[in-house]
């Protein structure tokens, strides 16, 4: 590659959801544990979109992922994410996630997936 012809970058779209297909996502995690691993894999890369579902089946939720994102921001090194989309059918859980991440200056939008 030369600087005259830079490579076209494929957007990085990550999804953490136990059920939805999320057709635009380039990678999907189905549990909070997989979600944390996926996020950490992209620690030093720009993520264009991160799609989060609050309820991940059984007793699992997105909160461990949110905690990792909050701790990163607290330590002055937030994840580089264009927009976080919260698409949960749980309105109270979705609002909790949106409020928590907005407090740390992540750009958050409520959405339907």
N, C-alpha and C. Protein backbone atom coordinates (compact mmCIF):
# COMPACT_ATOMS: atom_id res chain seq x y z
N UNK A 1 0.83 -1.18 0.00
CA UNK A 1 0.00 0.00 0.00
C UNK A 1 0.88 1.25 0.00
N UNK A 2 0.49 2.19 -0.77
CA UNK A 2 1.17 3.47 -0.74
C UNK A 2 0.26 4.47 -0.04
N UNK A 3 0.82 5.58 0.35
CA UNK A 3 0.00 6.59 1.01
C UNK A 3 -0.98 7.23 0.04
N UNK A 4 -0.69 7.14 -1.27
CA UNK A 4 -1.60 7.70 -2.27
C UNK A 4 -2.88 6.87 -2.37
N UNK A 5 -2.81 5.59 -2.00
CA UNK A 5 -3.95 4.68 -2.12
C UNK A 5 -4.14 3.93 -0.80
N UNK A 6 -4.64 4.62 0.20
CA UNK A 6 -4.82 3.93 1.48
C UNK A 6 -5.88 2.83 1.38
N UNK A 7 -5.72 1.80 2.19
CA UNK A 7 -6.68 0.71 2.18
C UNK A 7 -8.01 1.21 2.73
N UNK A 8 -9.09 0.71 2.15
CA UNK A 8 -10.41 1.03 2.66
C UNK A 8 -10.61 0.17 3.90
N UNK A 9 -10.89 0.81 5.01
CA UNK A 9 -11.03 0.10 6.27
C UNK A 9 -12.44 -0.45 6.41
N UNK A 10 -12.52 -1.73 6.74
CA UNK A 10 -13.80 -2.34 7.01
C UNK A 10 -14.24 -1.94 8.41
N UNK A 11 -15.45 -1.43 8.56
CA UNK A 11 -15.90 -1.03 9.91
C UNK A 11 -15.89 -2.23 10.86
N UNK A 12 -15.51 -1.96 12.09
CA UNK A 12 -15.54 -2.98 13.14
C UNK A 12 -16.83 -2.77 13.92
N UNK A 13 -17.72 -3.75 13.84
CA UNK A 13 -19.02 -3.69 14.52
C UNK A 13 -19.13 -4.93 15.39
N UNK A 14 -19.12 -4.71 16.70
CA UNK A 14 -19.18 -5.81 17.65
C UNK A 14 -20.56 -5.86 18.29
N UNK A 15 -21.05 -7.07 18.51
CA UNK A 15 -22.33 -7.24 19.16
C UNK A 15 -22.23 -8.20 20.33
N UNK A 16 -22.91 -7.88 21.41
CA UNK A 16 -22.99 -8.79 22.56
C UNK A 16 -24.47 -8.99 22.84
N UNK A 17 -24.96 -10.16 22.47
CA UNK A 17 -26.38 -10.46 22.53
C UNK A 17 -26.55 -11.97 22.53
N UNK A 18 -27.39 -12.49 23.40
CA UNK A 18 -27.55 -13.94 23.50
C UNK A 18 -28.39 -14.54 22.38
N UNK A 19 -29.26 -13.75 21.75
CA UNK A 19 -30.19 -14.32 20.77
C UNK A 19 -30.16 -13.70 19.38
N UNK A 20 -30.09 -12.39 19.29
CA UNK A 20 -30.25 -11.70 18.01
C UNK A 20 -29.09 -12.02 17.06
N UNK A 21 -29.42 -12.03 15.77
CA UNK A 21 -28.42 -12.31 14.74
C UNK A 21 -27.48 -11.12 14.52
N UNK A 22 -27.96 -9.89 14.66
CA UNK A 22 -27.15 -8.67 14.44
C UNK A 22 -26.39 -8.77 13.11
N UNK A 23 -27.11 -8.73 11.99
CA UNK A 23 -26.48 -8.97 10.68
C UNK A 23 -25.35 -8.03 10.30
N UNK A 24 -25.31 -6.82 10.88
CA UNK A 24 -24.22 -5.88 10.53
C UNK A 24 -22.95 -6.15 11.34
N UNK A 25 -23.06 -6.94 12.40
CA UNK A 25 -21.92 -7.18 13.28
C UNK A 25 -20.84 -8.00 12.58
N UNK A 26 -19.59 -7.60 12.80
CA UNK A 26 -18.46 -8.37 12.26
C UNK A 26 -18.08 -9.48 13.22
N UNK A 27 -18.42 -9.33 14.52
CA UNK A 27 -18.20 -10.37 15.54
C UNK A 27 -19.32 -10.29 16.55
N UNK A 28 -19.75 -11.43 17.07
CA UNK A 28 -20.82 -11.49 18.06
C UNK A 28 -20.38 -12.35 19.23
N UNK A 29 -20.64 -11.87 20.43
CA UNK A 29 -20.44 -12.65 21.66
C UNK A 29 -21.83 -12.94 22.22
N UNK A 30 -21.99 -14.14 22.80
CA UNK A 30 -23.31 -14.55 23.29
C UNK A 30 -23.44 -14.50 24.81
N UNK A 31 -22.34 -14.32 25.53
CA UNK A 31 -22.38 -14.24 26.99
C UNK A 31 -21.55 -13.04 27.44
N UNK A 32 -21.70 -12.66 28.71
CA UNK A 32 -20.89 -11.55 29.21
C UNK A 32 -19.41 -11.90 29.21
N UNK A 33 -19.10 -13.15 29.51
CA UNK A 33 -17.69 -13.57 29.51
C UNK A 33 -17.10 -13.45 28.10
N UNK A 34 -17.82 -13.95 27.11
CA UNK A 34 -17.36 -13.80 25.71
C UNK A 34 -17.30 -12.33 25.32
N UNK A 35 -18.23 -11.54 25.84
CA UNK A 35 -18.25 -10.11 25.53
C UNK A 35 -17.03 -9.39 26.06
N UNK A 36 -16.64 -9.70 27.29
CA UNK A 36 -15.44 -9.10 27.87
C UNK A 36 -14.22 -9.51 27.05
N UNK A 37 -14.12 -10.78 26.69
CA UNK A 37 -13.00 -11.26 25.87
C UNK A 37 -12.96 -10.54 24.52
N UNK A 38 -14.13 -10.39 23.89
CA UNK A 38 -14.21 -9.72 22.59
C UNK A 38 -13.76 -8.27 22.70
N UNK A 39 -14.22 -7.60 23.73
CA UNK A 39 -13.84 -6.21 23.93
C UNK A 39 -12.33 -6.10 24.16
N UNK A 40 -11.78 -6.97 24.99
CA UNK A 40 -10.34 -6.92 25.27
C UNK A 40 -9.51 -7.25 24.03
N UNK A 41 -10.02 -8.12 23.15
CA UNK A 41 -9.33 -8.40 21.88
C UNK A 41 -9.20 -7.14 21.04
N UNK A 42 -10.14 -6.23 21.19
CA UNK A 42 -10.15 -4.99 20.41
C UNK A 42 -9.67 -3.80 21.24
N UNK A 43 -8.93 -4.06 22.30
CA UNK A 43 -8.50 -3.02 23.23
C UNK A 43 -7.78 -1.86 22.55
N UNK A 44 -6.93 -2.17 21.61
CA UNK A 44 -6.11 -1.13 20.98
C UNK A 44 -6.57 -0.78 19.57
N UNK A 45 -7.80 -1.13 19.26
CA UNK A 45 -8.35 -0.82 17.93
C UNK A 45 -9.58 0.05 18.09
N UNK A 46 -9.89 0.78 17.04
CA UNK A 46 -11.11 1.57 17.03
C UNK A 46 -12.27 0.66 16.68
N UNK A 47 -13.32 0.70 17.48
CA UNK A 47 -14.55 -0.05 17.22
C UNK A 47 -15.59 0.96 16.77
N UNK A 48 -16.09 0.78 15.55
CA UNK A 48 -17.06 1.74 15.01
C UNK A 48 -18.37 1.70 15.78
N UNK A 49 -18.88 0.48 16.01
CA UNK A 49 -20.14 0.32 16.72
C UNK A 49 -20.03 -0.86 17.69
N UNK A 50 -20.63 -0.69 18.86
CA UNK A 50 -20.74 -1.76 19.84
C UNK A 50 -22.21 -1.88 20.20
N UNK A 51 -22.81 -3.04 19.92
CA UNK A 51 -24.22 -3.28 20.19
C UNK A 51 -24.34 -4.12 21.46
N UNK A 52 -25.09 -3.61 22.45
CA UNK A 52 -25.21 -4.28 23.73
C UNK A 52 -26.66 -4.61 24.06
N UNK A 53 -26.88 -5.86 24.44
CA UNK A 53 -28.17 -6.29 24.97
C UNK A 53 -27.99 -6.42 26.48
N UNK A 54 -28.96 -6.01 27.28
CA UNK A 54 -28.81 -6.09 28.73
C UNK A 54 -28.90 -7.52 29.24
N UNK A 55 -29.97 -8.22 28.89
CA UNK A 55 -30.21 -9.57 29.39
C UNK A 55 -29.59 -10.60 28.45
N UNK A 56 -28.70 -11.43 28.99
CA UNK A 56 -27.97 -12.39 28.15
C UNK A 56 -28.33 -13.84 28.48
N UNK A 57 -29.50 -14.05 29.00
CA UNK A 57 -29.95 -15.41 29.28
C UNK A 57 -29.65 -15.83 30.71
N UNK A 58 -30.63 -16.47 31.35
CA UNK A 58 -30.45 -16.90 32.74
C UNK A 58 -30.12 -15.72 33.63
N UNK A 59 -29.10 -15.89 34.45
CA UNK A 59 -28.68 -14.81 35.36
C UNK A 59 -27.64 -13.89 34.74
N UNK A 60 -27.26 -14.14 33.49
CA UNK A 60 -26.20 -13.36 32.85
C UNK A 60 -26.76 -12.03 32.33
N UNK A 61 -25.95 -10.99 32.43
CA UNK A 61 -26.32 -9.68 31.90
C UNK A 61 -25.07 -9.02 31.33
N UNK A 62 -25.27 -7.86 30.73
CA UNK A 62 -24.18 -7.11 30.10
C UNK A 62 -23.33 -6.37 31.14
N UNK A 63 -23.73 -6.38 32.39
CA UNK A 63 -23.04 -5.56 33.40
C UNK A 63 -21.54 -5.84 33.55
N UNK A 64 -21.05 -7.09 33.44
CA UNK A 64 -19.59 -7.27 33.49
C UNK A 64 -18.86 -6.52 32.36
N UNK A 65 -19.48 -6.45 31.20
CA UNK A 65 -18.88 -5.73 30.06
C UNK A 65 -18.87 -4.23 30.37
N UNK A 66 -19.99 -3.74 30.88
CA UNK A 66 -20.09 -2.32 31.23
C UNK A 66 -19.04 -1.97 32.29
N UNK A 67 -18.85 -2.85 33.25
CA UNK A 67 -17.85 -2.60 34.30
C UNK A 67 -16.45 -2.48 33.71
N UNK A 68 -16.10 -3.34 32.76
CA UNK A 68 -14.78 -3.27 32.11
C UNK A 68 -14.64 -1.92 31.39
N UNK A 69 -15.69 -1.48 30.71
CA UNK A 69 -15.65 -0.21 30.00
C UNK A 69 -15.53 0.97 30.97
N UNK A 70 -16.26 0.90 32.09
CA UNK A 70 -16.18 1.97 33.09
C UNK A 70 -14.79 2.04 33.73
N UNK A 71 -14.24 0.87 34.07
CA UNK A 71 -12.90 0.84 34.69
C UNK A 71 -11.85 1.39 33.74
N UNK A 72 -11.96 1.07 32.45
CA UNK A 72 -11.01 1.60 31.48
C UNK A 72 -11.08 3.12 31.44
N UNK A 73 -12.28 3.66 31.44
CA UNK A 73 -12.45 5.11 31.41
C UNK A 73 -11.94 5.73 32.71
N UNK A 74 -12.23 5.09 33.84
CA UNK A 74 -11.77 5.58 35.14
C UNK A 74 -10.25 5.71 35.17
N UNK A 75 -9.57 4.76 34.54
CA UNK A 75 -8.10 4.78 34.52
C UNK A 75 -7.54 5.63 33.38
N UNK A 76 -8.41 6.42 32.73
CA UNK A 76 -7.95 7.36 31.72
C UNK A 76 -7.68 6.75 30.35
N UNK A 77 -8.14 5.53 30.14
CA UNK A 77 -7.89 4.88 28.87
C UNK A 77 -9.16 4.18 28.38
N UNK A 78 -10.22 4.98 28.10
CA UNK A 78 -11.46 4.37 27.66
C UNK A 78 -11.29 3.64 26.33
N UNK A 79 -12.15 2.68 26.10
CA UNK A 79 -12.16 2.00 24.81
C UNK A 79 -12.53 3.02 23.74
N UNK A 80 -11.92 2.89 22.58
CA UNK A 80 -12.21 3.80 21.47
C UNK A 80 -13.37 3.23 20.66
N UNK A 81 -14.56 3.75 20.93
CA UNK A 81 -15.77 3.25 20.31
C UNK A 81 -16.54 4.43 19.73
N UNK A 82 -16.90 4.31 18.46
CA UNK A 82 -17.67 5.38 17.82
C UNK A 82 -19.01 5.59 18.51
N UNK A 83 -19.84 4.55 18.49
CA UNK A 83 -21.15 4.61 19.13
C UNK A 83 -21.48 3.28 19.78
N UNK A 84 -22.00 3.36 21.00
CA UNK A 84 -22.51 2.18 21.70
C UNK A 84 -24.03 2.21 21.52
N UNK A 85 -24.58 1.14 20.95
CA UNK A 85 -26.02 1.02 20.78
C UNK A 85 -26.54 0.04 21.83
N UNK A 86 -27.49 0.49 22.64
CA UNK A 86 -28.12 -0.37 23.64
C UNK A 86 -29.48 -0.76 23.07
N UNK A 87 -29.67 -2.06 22.83
CA UNK A 87 -30.88 -2.51 22.13
C UNK A 87 -31.69 -3.53 22.93
N UNK A 88 -31.64 -3.44 24.22
CA UNK A 88 -32.31 -4.39 25.09
C UNK A 88 -33.82 -4.22 25.11
N UNK A 89 -34.53 -5.34 25.26
CA UNK A 89 -35.98 -5.30 25.45
C UNK A 89 -36.32 -4.97 26.91
N UNK A 90 -35.30 -4.90 27.76
CA UNK A 90 -35.47 -4.58 29.17
C UNK A 90 -35.23 -3.07 29.34
N UNK A 91 -36.30 -2.27 29.41
CA UNK A 91 -36.11 -0.81 29.42
C UNK A 91 -35.33 -0.30 30.63
N UNK A 92 -35.54 -0.88 31.79
CA UNK A 92 -34.81 -0.43 32.98
C UNK A 92 -33.33 -0.80 32.87
N UNK A 93 -33.05 -2.02 32.43
CA UNK A 93 -31.67 -2.45 32.24
C UNK A 93 -30.97 -1.62 31.18
N UNK A 94 -31.68 -1.35 30.08
CA UNK A 94 -31.10 -0.56 28.99
C UNK A 94 -30.77 0.85 29.48
N UNK A 95 -31.66 1.44 30.25
CA UNK A 95 -31.43 2.79 30.77
C UNK A 95 -30.24 2.81 31.72
N UNK A 96 -30.10 1.78 32.54
CA UNK A 96 -28.96 1.67 33.46
C UNK A 96 -27.65 1.64 32.68
N UNK A 97 -27.61 0.82 31.63
CA UNK A 97 -26.40 0.72 30.80
C UNK A 97 -26.11 2.06 30.13
N UNK A 98 -27.12 2.66 29.52
CA UNK A 98 -26.93 3.93 28.82
C UNK A 98 -26.43 5.01 29.78
N UNK A 99 -27.03 5.10 30.94
CA UNK A 99 -26.63 6.12 31.92
C UNK A 99 -25.20 5.88 32.42
N UNK A 100 -24.87 4.63 32.71
CA UNK A 100 -23.52 4.30 33.20
C UNK A 100 -22.45 4.67 32.19
N UNK A 101 -22.66 4.30 30.93
CA UNK A 101 -21.64 4.56 29.92
C UNK A 101 -21.59 6.03 29.51
N UNK A 102 -22.73 6.69 29.49
CA UNK A 102 -22.75 8.12 29.17
C UNK A 102 -21.97 8.91 30.21
N UNK A 103 -22.07 8.51 31.47
CA UNK A 103 -21.33 9.17 32.55
C UNK A 103 -19.83 9.17 32.27
N UNK A 104 -19.35 8.14 31.56
CA UNK A 104 -17.91 8.03 31.25
C UNK A 104 -17.59 8.52 29.84
N UNK A 105 -18.50 9.30 29.27
CA UNK A 105 -18.30 9.96 27.97
C UNK A 105 -18.27 9.03 26.77
N UNK A 106 -18.82 7.84 26.92
CA UNK A 106 -19.05 7.01 25.74
C UNK A 106 -20.28 7.57 25.03
N UNK A 107 -20.27 7.55 23.72
CA UNK A 107 -21.42 8.00 22.93
C UNK A 107 -22.42 6.84 22.88
N UNK A 108 -23.56 7.02 23.50
CA UNK A 108 -24.54 5.94 23.63
C UNK A 108 -25.86 6.33 22.98
N UNK A 109 -26.45 5.38 22.28
CA UNK A 109 -27.75 5.56 21.65
C UNK A 109 -28.63 4.36 22.01
N UNK A 110 -29.90 4.62 22.25
CA UNK A 110 -30.87 3.53 22.39
C UNK A 110 -31.30 3.14 20.99
N UNK A 111 -31.46 1.86 20.75
CA UNK A 111 -31.79 1.40 19.40
C UNK A 111 -32.60 0.11 19.47
N UNK A 112 -33.16 -0.25 18.33
CA UNK A 112 -33.78 -1.57 18.19
C UNK A 112 -32.92 -2.35 17.22
N UNK A 113 -32.73 -3.61 17.54
CA UNK A 113 -31.87 -4.44 16.69
C UNK A 113 -32.71 -5.42 15.91
